Every structure is written in C-alpha cells, then in structure tokens.
Amino acid sequence: QLREGKNKLMVWMTDEEGTELEEYRFQRTLWIDTAAPEI
C-alpha cells in the first residue's frame, strides 16, 4: 500500500451514530526513500 515519497496516514473513530470522535484522531506523514541516490 505504501509508496516512495510522502504517505499520509489518518486514523479516527466514530460512535454508534456515526459522529466523529475528535479525541481519537491520529494523523502522520510517513516519508519513504528506499532508493539509493544517483551518483
């Protein structure tokens, strides 16, 4: 699922009525660089 460069992950929760619960929101940007630089 992940790719080189910027990957934005978001996780949150909703209650039984579908209302988002702000206190359970998580967001993070994952930077991935598996390729060596070109010399």
PDB file of all heavy atoms in Angstrom:
ATOM      1  N   GLN A   1       0.805  -1.209   0.000  1.00  0.00           N
ATOM      2  CA  GLN A   1       0.000   0.000   0.000  1.00  0.00           C
ATOM      3  C   GLN A   1       0.850   1.277   0.000  1.00  0.00           C
ATOM      4  O   GLN A   1       0.431   2.303  -0.530  1.00  0.00           O
ATOM      5  CB  GLN A   1      -0.932   0.033   1.228  1.00  0.00           C
ATOM      6  CG  GLN A   1      -1.966  -1.059   1.258  1.00  0.00           C
ATOM      7  CD  GLN A   1      -1.426  -2.384   1.786  1.00  0.00           C
ATOM      8  OE1 GLN A   1      -0.428  -2.431   2.484  1.00  0.00           O
ATOM      9  NE2 GLN A   1      -2.086  -3.473   1.430  1.00  0.00           N
ATOM     10  N   LEU A   2       2.012   1.243   0.628  1.00  0.00           N
ATOM     11  CA  LEU A   2       2.870   2.428   0.750  1.00  0.00           C
ATOM     12  C   LEU A   2       3.690   2.624  -0.525  1.00  0.00           C
ATOM     13  O   LEU A   2       3.942   1.669  -1.259  1.00  0.00           O
ATOM     14  CB  LEU A   2       3.799   2.281   1.960  1.00  0.00           C
ATOM     15  CG  LEU A   2       3.092   2.159   3.308  1.00  0.00           C
ATOM     16  CD1 LEU A   2       4.055   1.664   4.369  1.00  0.00           C
ATOM     17  CD2 LEU A   2       2.489   3.481   3.725  1.00  0.00           C
ATOM     18  N   ARG A   3       4.109   3.862  -0.786  1.00  0.00           N
ATOM     19  CA  ARG A   3       4.927   4.184  -1.953  1.00  0.00           C
ATOM     20  C   ARG A   3       6.079   5.097  -1.550  1.00  0.00           C
ATOM     21  O   ARG A   3       6.081   5.676  -0.472  1.00  0.00           O
ATOM     22  CB  ARG A   3       4.084   4.887  -3.030  1.00  0.00           C
ATOM     23  CG  ARG A   3       2.924   4.072  -3.569  1.00  0.00           C
ATOM     24  CD  ARG A   3       3.396   2.897  -4.430  1.00  0.00           C
ATOM     25  NE  ARG A   3       2.275   2.120  -4.931  1.00  0.00           N
ATOM     26  CZ  ARG A   3       1.796   1.028  -4.353  1.00  0.00           C
ATOM     27  NH1 ARG A   3       2.336   0.578  -3.244  1.00  0.00           N
ATOM     28  NH2 ARG A   3       0.790   0.370  -4.878  1.00  0.00           N
ATOM     29  N   GLU A   4       7.026   5.250  -2.451  1.00  0.00           N
ATOM     30  CA  GLU A   4       8.140   6.175  -2.237  1.00  0.00           C
ATOM     31  C   GLU A   4       7.598   7.583  -2.041  1.00  0.00           C
ATOM     32  O   GLU A   4       6.584   7.956  -2.620  1.00  0.00           O
ATOM     33  CB  GLU A   4       9.078   6.168  -3.454  1.00  0.00           C
ATOM     34  CG  GLU A   4       9.843   4.885  -3.659  1.00  0.00           C
ATOM     35  CD  GLU A   4      11.024   4.724  -2.712  1.00  0.00           C
ATOM     36  OE1 GLU A   4      11.738   5.711  -2.441  1.00  0.00           O
ATOM     37  OE2 GLU A   4      11.237   3.596  -2.238  1.00  0.00           O
ATOM     38  N   GLY A   5       8.277   8.368  -1.238  1.00  0.00           N
ATOM     39  CA  GLY A   5       7.883   9.761  -1.026  1.00  0.00           C
ATOM     40  C   GLY A   5       6.920   9.921   0.128  1.00  0.00           C
ATOM     41  O   GLY A   5       6.991   9.221   1.128  1.00  0.00           O
ATOM     42  N   LYS A   6       5.971  10.830  -0.036  1.00  0.00           N
ATOM     43  CA  LYS A   6       5.049  11.227   1.038  1.00  0.00           C
ATOM     44  C   LYS A   6       3.844  10.287   1.103  1.00  0.00           C
ATOM     45  O   LYS A   6       3.148  10.091   0.119  1.00  0.00           O
ATOM     46  CB  LYS A   6       4.579  12.657   0.774  1.00  0.00           C
ATOM     47  CG  LYS A   6       3.653  13.214   1.810  1.00  0.00           C
ATOM     48  CD  LYS A   6       3.294  14.652   1.445  1.00  0.00           C
ATOM     49  CE  LYS A   6       2.370  15.263   2.462  1.00  0.00           C
ATOM     50  NZ  LYS A   6       2.045  16.658   2.108  1.00  0.00           N
ATOM     51  N   ASN A   7       3.598   9.724   2.290  1.00  0.00           N
ATOM     52  CA  ASN A   7       2.442   8.865   2.561  1.00  0.00           C
ATOM     53  C   ASN A   7       1.731   9.445   3.782  1.00  0.00           C
ATOM     54  O   ASN A   7       2.315   9.527   4.860  1.00  0.00           O
ATOM     55  CB  ASN A   7       2.884   7.431   2.857  1.00  0.00           C
ATOM     56  CG  ASN A   7       3.503   6.761   1.658  1.00  0.00           C
ATOM     57  OD1 ASN A   7       2.840   6.096   0.901  1.00  0.00           O
ATOM     58  ND2 ASN A   7       4.812   6.954   1.465  1.00  0.00           N
ATOM     59  N   LYS A   8       0.478   9.832   3.602  1.00  0.00           N
ATOM     60  CA  LYS A   8      -0.271  10.469   4.689  1.00  0.00           C
ATOM     61  C   LYS A   8      -1.238   9.456   5.297  1.00  0.00           C
ATOM     62  O   LYS A   8      -2.130   8.955   4.619  1.00  0.00           O
ATOM     63  CB  LYS A   8      -1.027  11.680   4.135  1.00  0.00           C
ATOM     64  CG  LYS A   8      -1.678  12.527   5.183  1.00  0.00           C
ATOM     65  CD  LYS A   8      -2.290  13.763   4.536  1.00  0.00           C
ATOM     66  CE  LYS A   8      -3.002  14.611   5.548  1.00  0.00           C
ATOM     67  NZ  LYS A   8      -3.639  15.769   4.894  1.00  0.00           N
ATOM     68  N   LEU A   9      -1.052   9.153   6.589  1.00  0.00           N
ATOM     69  CA  LEU A   9      -1.883   8.188   7.312  1.00  0.00           C
ATOM     70  C   LEU A   9      -2.817   8.940   8.253  1.00  0.00           C
ATOM     71  O   LEU A   9      -2.375   9.819   8.997  1.00  0.00           O
ATOM     72  CB  LEU A   9      -1.000   7.226   8.119  1.00  0.00           C
ATOM     73  CG  LEU A   9      -1.725   6.252   9.046  1.00  0.00           C
ATOM     74  CD1 LEU A   9      -2.545   5.252   8.246  1.00  0.00           C
ATOM     75  CD2 LEU A   9      -0.726   5.535   9.947  1.00  0.00           C
ATOM     76  N   MET A  10      -4.105   8.573   8.208  1.00  0.00           N
ATOM     77  CA  MET A  10      -5.099   9.145   9.113  1.00  0.00           C
ATOM     78  C   MET A  10      -5.915   8.008   9.726  1.00  0.00           C
ATOM     79  O   MET A  10      -6.321   7.093   9.006  1.00  0.00           O
ATOM     80  CB  MET A  10      -6.029  10.098   8.367  1.00  0.00           C
ATOM     81  CG  MET A  10      -5.342  11.352   7.875  1.00  0.00           C
ATOM     82  SD  MET A  10      -6.313  12.222   6.644  1.00  0.00           S
ATOM     83  CE  MET A  10      -5.892  11.291   5.192  1.00  0.00           C
ATOM     84  N   VAL A  11      -6.129   8.068  11.029  1.00  0.00           N
ATOM     85  CA  VAL A  11      -6.949   7.084  11.736  1.00  0.00           C
ATOM     86  C   VAL A  11      -7.879   7.871  12.655  1.00  0.00           C
ATOM     87  O   VAL A  11      -7.457   8.797  13.329  1.00  0.00           O
ATOM     88  CB  VAL A  11      -6.084   6.106  12.579  1.00  0.00           C
ATOM     89  CG1 VAL A  11      -6.959   5.067  13.259  1.00  0.00           C
ATOM     90  CG2 VAL A  11      -5.021   5.444  11.722  1.00  0.00           C
ATOM     91  N   TRP A  12      -9.169   7.502  12.649  1.00  0.00           N
ATOM     92  CA  TRP A  12     -10.129   8.167  13.519  1.00  0.00           C
ATOM     93  C   TRP A  12     -11.242   7.187  13.872  1.00  0.00           C
ATOM     94  O   TRP A  12     -11.309   6.100  13.333  1.00  0.00           O
ATOM     95  CB  TRP A  12     -10.679   9.440  12.867  1.00  0.00           C
ATOM     96  CG  TRP A  12     -11.566   9.240  11.693  1.00  0.00           C
ATOM     97  CD1 TRP A  12     -12.928   9.174  11.684  1.00  0.00           C
ATOM     98  CD2 TRP A  12     -11.172   9.075  10.324  1.00  0.00           C
ATOM     99  NE1 TRP A  12     -13.398   8.985  10.404  1.00  0.00           N
ATOM    100  CE2 TRP A  12     -12.328   8.916   9.553  1.00  0.00           C
ATOM    101  CE3 TRP A  12      -9.939   9.042   9.672  1.00  0.00           C
ATOM    102  CZ2 TRP A  12     -12.308   8.733   8.176  1.00  0.00           C
ATOM    103  CZ3 TRP A  12      -9.913   8.859   8.300  1.00  0.00           C
ATOM    104  CH2 TRP A  12     -11.081   8.721   7.559  1.00  0.00           C
ATOM    105  N   MET A  13     -12.108   7.602  14.795  1.00  0.00           N
ATOM    106  CA  MET A  13     -13.215   6.753  15.235  1.00  0.00           C
ATOM    107  C   MET A  13     -14.525   7.521  15.159  1.00  0.00           C
ATOM    108  O   MET A  13     -14.549   8.740  15.268  1.00  0.00           O
ATOM    109  CB  MET A  13     -12.991   6.254  16.662  1.00  0.00           C
ATOM    110  CG  MET A  13     -11.857   5.273  16.786  1.00  0.00           C
ATOM    111  SD  MET A  13     -11.821   4.454  18.391  1.00  0.00           S
ATOM    112  CE  MET A  13     -13.102   3.220  18.171  1.00  0.00           C
ATOM    113  N   THR A  14     -15.601   6.744  14.983  1.00  0.00           N
ATOM    114  CA  THR A  14     -16.949   7.294  15.046  1.00  0.00           C
ATOM    115  C   THR A  14     -17.735   6.502  16.081  1.00  0.00           C
ATOM    116  O   THR A  14     -17.442   5.333  16.334  1.00  0.00           O
ATOM    117  CB  THR A  14     -17.651   7.207  13.676  1.00  0.00           C
ATOM    118  OG1 THR A  14     -17.652   5.853  13.228  1.00  0.00           O
ATOM    119  CG2 THR A  14     -16.978   8.095  12.647  1.00  0.00           C
ATOM    120  N   ASP A  15     -18.739   7.159  16.661  1.00  0.00           N
ATOM    121  CA  ASP A  15     -19.593   6.460  17.631  1.00  0.00           C
ATOM    122  C   ASP A  15     -20.715   5.737  16.889  1.00  0.00           C
ATOM    123  O   ASP A  15     -20.708   5.664  15.660  1.00  0.00           O
ATOM    124  CB  ASP A  15     -20.127   7.431  18.695  1.00  0.00           C
ATOM    125  CG  ASP A  15     -20.998   8.530  18.113  1.00  0.00           C
ATOM    126  OD1 ASP A  15     -21.433   8.426  16.942  1.00  0.00           O
ATOM    127  OD2 ASP A  15     -21.256   9.518  18.830  1.00  0.00           O
ATOM    128  N   GLU A  16     -21.675   5.219  17.635  1.00  0.00           N
ATOM    129  CA  GLU A  16     -22.773   4.446  17.049  1.00  0.00           C
ATOM    130  C   GLU A  16     -23.618   5.255  16.062  1.00  0.00           C
ATOM    131  O   GLU A  16     -24.186   4.710  15.134  1.00  0.00           O
ATOM    132  CB  GLU A  16     -23.677   3.883  18.157  1.00  0.00           C
ATOM    133  CG  GLU A  16     -23.006   2.847  19.038  1.00  0.00           C
ATOM    134  CD  GLU A  16     -22.672   1.576  18.299  1.00  0.00           C
ATOM    135  OE1 GLU A  16     -23.556   1.022  17.623  1.00  0.00           O
ATOM    136  OE2 GLU A  16     -21.513   1.126  18.385  1.00  0.00           O
ATOM    137  N   GLU A  17     -23.700   6.570  16.271  1.00  0.00           N
ATOM    138  CA  GLU A  17     -24.488   7.423  15.379  1.00  0.00           C
ATOM    139  C   GLU A  17     -23.685   7.898  14.174  1.00  0.00           C
ATOM    140  O   GLU A  17     -24.201   8.629  13.337  1.00  0.00           O
ATOM    141  CB  GLU A  17     -25.030   8.648  16.138  1.00  0.00           C
ATOM    142  CG  GLU A  17     -26.165   8.335  17.099  1.00  0.00           C
ATOM    143  CD  GLU A  17     -25.669   7.785  18.421  1.00  0.00           C
ATOM    144  OE1 GLU A  17     -24.636   8.271  18.925  1.00  0.00           O
ATOM    145  OE2 GLU A  17     -26.297   6.849  18.940  1.00  0.00           O
ATOM    146  N   GLY A  18     -22.396   7.556  14.118  1.00  0.00           N
ATOM    147  CA  GLY A  18     -21.556   7.991  13.003  1.00  0.00           C
ATOM    148  C   GLY A  18     -20.865   9.321  13.235  1.00  0.00           C
ATOM    149  O   GLY A  18     -20.239   9.868  12.326  1.00  0.00           O
ATOM    150  N   THR A  19     -20.936   9.852  14.448  1.00  0.00           N
ATOM    151  CA  THR A  19     -20.293  11.120  14.777  1.00  0.00           C
ATOM    152  C   THR A  19     -18.812  10.875  15.048  1.00  0.00           C
ATOM    153  O   THR A  19     -18.446   9.986  15.817  1.00  0.00           O
ATOM    154  CB  THR A  19     -20.939  11.747  16.034  1.00  0.00           C
ATOM    155  OG1 THR A  19     -22.348  11.851  15.810  1.00  0.00           O
ATOM    156  CG2 THR A  19     -20.358  13.109  16.334  1.00  0.00           C
ATOM    157  N   GLU A  20     -17.964  11.686  14.413  1.00  0.00           N
ATOM    158  CA  GLU A  20     -16.519  11.529  14.610  1.00  0.00           C
ATOM    159  C   GLU A  20     -16.128  11.958  16.014  1.00  0.00           C
ATOM    160  O   GLU A  20     -16.599  12.975  16.521  1.00  0.00           O
ATOM    161  CB  GLU A  20     -15.754  12.373  13.585  1.00  0.00           C
ATOM    162  CG  GLU A  20     -14.259  12.160  13.683  1.00  0.00           C
ATOM    163  CD  GLU A  20     -13.476  12.954  12.649  1.00  0.00           C
ATOM    164  OE1 GLU A  20     -14.017  13.287  11.591  1.00  0.00           O
ATOM    165  OE2 GLU A  20     -12.296  13.229  12.937  1.00  0.00           O
ATOM    166  N   LEU A  21     -15.245  11.173  16.634  1.00  0.00           N
ATOM    167  CA  LEU A  21     -14.744  11.462  17.976  1.00  0.00           C
ATOM    168  C   LEU A  21     -13.364  12.098  17.832  1.00  0.00           C
ATOM    169  O   LEU A  21     -12.378  11.413  17.551  1.00  0.00           O
ATOM    170  CB  LEU A  21     -14.674  10.175  18.806  1.00  0.00           C
ATOM    171  CG  LEU A  21     -15.998   9.410  18.905  1.00  0.00           C
ATOM    172  CD1 LEU A  21     -15.786   8.046  19.527  1.00  0.00           C
ATOM    173  CD2 LEU A  21     -17.018  10.205  19.697  1.00  0.00           C
ATOM    174  N   GLU A  22     -13.304  13.408  18.004  1.00  0.00           N
ATOM    175  CA  GLU A  22     -12.070  14.171  17.775  1.00  0.00           C
ATOM    176  C   GLU A  22     -10.907  13.692  18.643  1.00  0.00           C
ATOM    177  O   GLU A  22      -9.763  13.725  18.219  1.00  0.00           O
ATOM    178  CB  GLU A  22     -12.307  15.663  18.021  1.00  0.00           C
ATOM    179  CG  GLU A  22     -13.017  16.363  16.900  1.00  0.00           C
ATOM    180  CD  GLU A  22     -12.202  16.423  15.612  1.00  0.00           C
ATOM    181  OE1 GLU A  22     -10.984  16.601  15.670  1.00  0.00           O
ATOM    182  OE2 GLU A  22     -12.818  16.261  14.544  1.00  0.00           O
ATOM    183  N   GLU A  23     -11.206  13.245  19.865  1.00  0.00           N
ATOM    184  CA  GLU A  23     -10.131  12.847  20.778  1.00  0.00           C
ATOM    185  C   GLU A  23      -9.401  11.588  20.316  1.00  0.00           C
ATOM    186  O   GLU A  23      -8.336  11.263  20.809  1.00  0.00           O
ATOM    187  CB  GLU A  23     -10.658  12.671  22.213  1.00  0.00           C
ATOM    188  CG  GLU A  23     -11.679  11.570  22.395  1.00  0.00           C
ATOM    189  CD  GLU A  23     -13.132  11.995  22.193  1.00  0.00           C
ATOM    190  OE1 GLU A  23     -13.390  12.990  21.513  1.00  0.00           O
ATOM    191  OE2 GLU A  23     -14.007  11.292  22.727  1.00  0.00           O
ATOM    192  N   TYR A  24      -9.976  10.869  19.351  1.00  0.00           N
ATOM    193  CA  TYR A  24      -9.355   9.642  18.848  1.00  0.00           C
ATOM    194  C   TYR A  24      -8.769   9.821  17.443  1.00  0.00           C
ATOM    195  O   TYR A  24      -8.519   8.853  16.747  1.00  0.00           O
ATOM    196  CB  TYR A  24     -10.371   8.496  18.831  1.00  0.00           C
ATOM    197  CG  TYR A  24     -10.863   8.088  20.207  1.00  0.00           C
ATOM    198  CD1 TYR A  24     -12.127   7.548  20.373  1.00  0.00           C
ATOM    199  CD2 TYR A  24     -10.068   8.244  21.332  1.00  0.00           C
ATOM    200  CE1 TYR A  24     -12.579   7.161  21.628  1.00  0.00           C
ATOM    201  CE2 TYR A  24     -10.520   7.873  22.580  1.00  0.00           C
ATOM    202  CZ  TYR A  24     -11.774   7.326  22.723  1.00  0.00           C
ATOM    203  OH  TYR A  24     -12.219   6.943  23.955  1.00  0.00           O
ATOM    204  N   ARG A  25      -8.526  11.037  17.009  1.00  0.00           N
ATOM    205  CA  ARG A  25      -7.984  11.308  15.669  1.00  0.00           C
ATOM    206  C   ARG A  25      -6.458  11.256  15.715  1.00  0.00           C
ATOM    207  O   ARG A  25      -5.831  11.812  16.601  1.00  0.00           O
ATOM    208  CB  ARG A  25      -8.438  12.670  15.175  1.00  0.00           C
ATOM    209  CG  ARG A  25      -7.882  13.042  13.812  1.00  0.00           C
ATOM    210  CD  ARG A  25      -8.566  14.259  13.247  1.00  0.00           C
ATOM    211  NE  ARG A  25      -9.676  13.923  12.392  1.00  0.00           N
ATOM    212  CZ  ARG A  25      -9.556  13.434  11.171  1.00  0.00           C
ATOM    213  NH1 ARG A  25      -8.386  13.171  10.674  1.00  0.00           N
ATOM    214  NH2 ARG A  25     -10.616  13.185  10.435  1.00  0.00           N
ATOM    215  N   PHE A  26      -5.874  10.557  14.728  1.00  0.00           N
ATOM    216  CA  PHE A  26      -4.422  10.439  14.587  1.00  0.00           C
ATOM    217  C   PHE A  26      -4.079  10.754  13.136  1.00  0.00           C
ATOM    218  O   PHE A  26      -4.745  10.284  12.215  1.00  0.00           O
ATOM    219  CB  PHE A  26      -3.967   9.012  14.931  1.00  0.00           C
ATOM    220  CG  PHE A  26      -2.514   8.748  14.651  1.00  0.00           C
ATOM    221  CD1 PHE A  26      -1.541   9.084  15.572  1.00  0.00           C
ATOM    222  CD2 PHE A  26      -2.118   8.179  13.448  1.00  0.00           C
ATOM    223  CE1 PHE A  26      -0.196   8.844  15.311  1.00  0.00           C
ATOM    224  CE2 PHE A  26      -0.780   7.933  13.176  1.00  0.00           C
ATOM    225  CZ  PHE A  26       0.175   8.269  14.112  1.00  0.00           C
ATOM    226  N   GLN A  27      -3.032  11.549  12.948  1.00  0.00           N
ATOM    227  CA  GLN A  27      -2.590  11.869  11.593  1.00  0.00           C
ATOM    228  C   GLN A  27      -1.067  11.967  11.595  1.00  0.00           C
ATOM    229  O   GLN A  27      -0.480  12.565  12.496  1.00  0.00           O
ATOM    230  CB  GLN A  27      -3.200  13.203  11.141  1.00  0.00           C
ATOM    231  CG  GLN A  27      -2.924  13.524   9.714  1.00  0.00           C
ATOM    232  CD  GLN A  27      -3.748  14.712   9.234  1.00  0.00           C
ATOM    233  OE1 GLN A  27      -4.861  14.939   9.678  1.00  0.00           O
ATOM    234  NE2 GLN A  27      -3.190  15.464   8.317  1.00  0.00           N
ATOM    235  N   ARG A  28      -0.463  11.347  10.561  1.00  0.00           N
ATOM    236  CA  ARG A  28       1.000  11.369  10.483  1.00  0.00           C
ATOM    237  C   ARG A  28       1.432  11.219   9.029  1.00  0.00           C
ATOM    238  O   ARG A  28       0.836  10.463   8.271  1.00  0.00           O
ATOM    239  CB  ARG A  28       1.580  10.227  11.308  1.00  0.00           C
ATOM    240  CG  ARG A  28       3.086  10.220  11.338  1.00  0.00           C
ATOM    241  CD  ARG A  28       3.570   9.289  12.398  1.00  0.00           C
ATOM    242  NE  ARG A  28       4.986   9.092  12.287  1.00  0.00           N
ATOM    243  CZ  ARG A  28       5.657   8.185  12.933  1.00  0.00           C
ATOM    244  NH1 ARG A  28       5.024   7.363  13.735  1.00  0.00           N
ATOM    245  NH2 ARG A  28       6.940   8.061  12.795  1.00  0.00           N
ATOM    246  N   THR A  29       2.482  11.933   8.665  1.00  0.00           N
ATOM    247  CA  THR A  29       3.059  11.804   7.336  1.00  0.00           C
ATOM    248  C   THR A  29       4.297  10.928   7.438  1.00  0.00           C
ATOM    249  O   THR A  29       5.175  11.177   8.266  1.00  0.00           O
ATOM    250  CB  THR A  29       3.428  13.192   6.763  1.00  0.00           C
ATOM    251  OG1 THR A  29       2.238  13.975   6.686  1.00  0.00           O
ATOM    252  CG2 THR A  29       4.025  13.061   5.377  1.00  0.00           C
ATOM    253  N   LEU A  30       4.333   9.891   6.607  1.00  0.00           N
ATOM    254  CA  LEU A  30       5.465   8.962   6.572  1.00  0.00           C
ATOM    255  C   LEU A  30       6.242   9.224   5.282  1.00  0.00           C
ATOM    256  O   LEU A  30       5.675   9.140   4.187  1.00  0.00           O
ATOM    257  CB  LEU A  30       4.960   7.512   6.584  1.00  0.00           C
ATOM    258  CG  LEU A  30       3.989   7.158   7.703  1.00  0.00           C
ATOM    259  CD1 LEU A  30       3.209   5.916   7.351  1.00  0.00           C
ATOM    260  CD2 LEU A  30       4.736   6.953   8.986  1.00  0.00           C
ATOM    261  N   TRP A  31       7.518   9.538   5.411  1.00  0.00           N
ATOM    262  CA  TRP A  31       8.373   9.762   4.249  1.00  0.00           C
ATOM    263  C   TRP A  31       9.189   8.503   4.011  1.00  0.00           C
ATOM    264  O   TRP A  31       9.871   8.019   4.918  1.00  0.00           O
ATOM    265  CB  TRP A  31       9.290  10.959   4.482  1.00  0.00           C
ATOM    266  CG  TRP A  31       8.548  12.260   4.487  1.00  0.00           C
ATOM    267  CD1 TRP A  31       8.060  12.923   5.573  1.00  0.00           C
ATOM    268  CD2 TRP A  31       8.194  13.035   3.347  1.00  0.00           C
ATOM    269  NE1 TRP A  31       7.417  14.068   5.186  1.00  0.00           N
ATOM    270  CE2 TRP A  31       7.496  14.168   3.813  1.00  0.00           C
ATOM    271  CE3 TRP A  31       8.400  12.892   1.978  1.00  0.00           C
ATOM    272  CZ2 TRP A  31       7.000  15.142   2.963  1.00  0.00           C
ATOM    273  CZ3 TRP A  31       7.911  13.869   1.130  1.00  0.00           C
ATOM    274  CH2 TRP A  31       7.220  14.976   1.619  1.00  0.00           C
ATOM    275  N   ILE A  32       9.106   7.979   2.790  1.00  0.00           N
ATOM    276  CA  ILE A  32       9.787   6.723   2.467  1.00  0.00           C
ATOM    277  C   ILE A  32      10.753   6.960   1.311  1.00  0.00           C
ATOM    278  O   ILE A  32      10.382   7.537   0.285  1.00  0.00           O
ATOM    279  CB  ILE A  32       8.770   5.618   2.110  1.00  0.00           C
ATOM    280  CG1 ILE A  32       7.862   5.369   3.314  1.00  0.00           C
ATOM    281  CG2 ILE A  32       9.487   4.344   1.672  1.00  0.00           C
ATOM    282  CD1 ILE A  32       6.745   4.388   3.074  1.00  0.00           C
ATOM    283  N   ASP A  33      12.007   6.510   1.506  1.00  0.00           N
ATOM    284  CA  ASP A  33      13.043   6.620   0.475  1.00  0.00           C
ATOM    285  C   ASP A  33      13.881   5.345   0.517  1.00  0.00           C
ATOM    286  O   ASP A  33      14.823   5.238   1.281  1.00  0.00           O
ATOM    287  CB  ASP A  33      13.921   7.851   0.727  1.00  0.00           C
ATOM    288  CG  ASP A  33      15.022   8.013  -0.313  1.00  0.00           C
ATOM    289  OD1 ASP A  33      14.916   7.406  -1.405  1.00  0.00           O
ATOM    290  OD2 ASP A  33      15.991   8.734  -0.042  1.00  0.00           O
ATOM    291  N   THR A  34      13.493   4.367  -0.285  1.00  0.00           N
ATOM    292  CA  THR A  34      14.227   3.090  -0.302  1.00  0.00           C
ATOM    293  C   THR A  34      15.279   3.048  -1.405  1.00  0.00           C
ATOM    294  O   THR A  34      16.078   2.124  -1.448  1.00  0.00           O
ATOM    295  CB  THR A  34      13.259   1.910  -0.501  1.00  0.00           C
ATOM    296  OG1 THR A  34      12.615   2.038  -1.765  1.00  0.00           O
ATOM    297  CG2 THR A  34      12.236   1.856   0.615  1.00  0.00           C
ATOM    298  N   ALA A  35      15.285   4.034  -2.300  1.00  0.00           N
ATOM    299  CA  ALA A  35      16.234   4.049  -3.424  1.00  0.00           C
ATOM    300  C   ALA A  35      17.489   4.824  -3.039  1.00  0.00           C
ATOM    301  O   ALA A  35      17.414   5.898  -2.440  1.00  0.00           O
ATOM    302  CB  ALA A  35      15.583   4.684  -4.644  1.00  0.00           C
ATOM    303  N   ALA A  36      18.636   4.289  -3.419  1.00  0.00           N
ATOM    304  CA  ALA A  36      19.911   4.970  -3.162  1.00  0.00           C
ATOM    305  C   ALA A  36      20.010   6.191  -4.079  1.00  0.00           C
ATOM    306  O   ALA A  36      19.429   6.219  -5.166  1.00  0.00           O
ATOM    307  CB  ALA A  36      21.070   4.024  -3.432  1.00  0.00           C
ATOM    308  N   PRO A  37      20.759   7.213  -3.662  1.00  0.00           N
ATOM    309  CA  PRO A  37      20.913   8.379  -4.535  1.00  0.00           C
ATOM    310  C   PRO A  37      21.699   8.024  -5.801  1.00  0.00           C
ATOM    311  O   PRO A  37      22.493   7.089  -5.808  1.00  0.00           O
ATOM    312  CB  PRO A  37      21.674   9.382  -3.672  1.00  0.00           C
ATOM    313  CG  PRO A  37      22.226   8.624  -2.535  1.00  0.00           C
ATOM    314  CD  PRO A  37      21.440   7.377  -2.386  1.00  0.00           C
ATOM    315  N   GLU A  38      21.474   8.781  -6.838  1.00  0.00           N
ATOM    316  CA  GLU A  38      22.210   8.588  -8.090  1.00  0.00           C
ATOM    317  C   GLU A  38      23.509   9.374  -7.999  1.00  0.00           C
ATOM    318  O   GLU A  38      23.500  10.592  -7.783  1.00  0.00           O
ATOM    319  CB  GLU A  38      21.361   9.098  -9.253  1.00  0.00           C
ATOM    320  CG  GLU A  38      21.928   8.762 -10.598  1.00  0.00           C
ATOM    321  CD  GLU A  38      21.005   9.219 -11.710  1.00  0.00           C
ATOM    322  OE1 GLU A  38      19.810   8.867 -11.679  1.00  0.00           O
ATOM    323  OE2 GLU A  38      21.480   9.953 -12.600  1.00  0.00           O
ATOM    324  N   ILE A  39      24.638   8.682  -8.167  1.00  0.00           N
ATOM    325  CA  ILE A  39      25.953   9.306  -8.028  1.00  0.00           C
ATOM    326  C   ILE A  39      26.601   9.441  -9.410  1.00  0.00           C
ATOM    327  O   ILE A  39      26.605   8.494 -10.195  1.00  0.00           O
ATOM    328  CB  ILE A  39      26.866   8.490  -7.089  1.00  0.00           C
ATOM    329  CG1 ILE A  39      26.214   8.439  -5.696  1.00  0.00           C
ATOM    330  CG2 ILE A  39      28.271   9.081  -7.033  1.00  0.00           C
ATOM    331  CD1 ILE A  39      26.916   7.579  -4.710  1.00  0.00           C
TER     332      ILE A  39
END
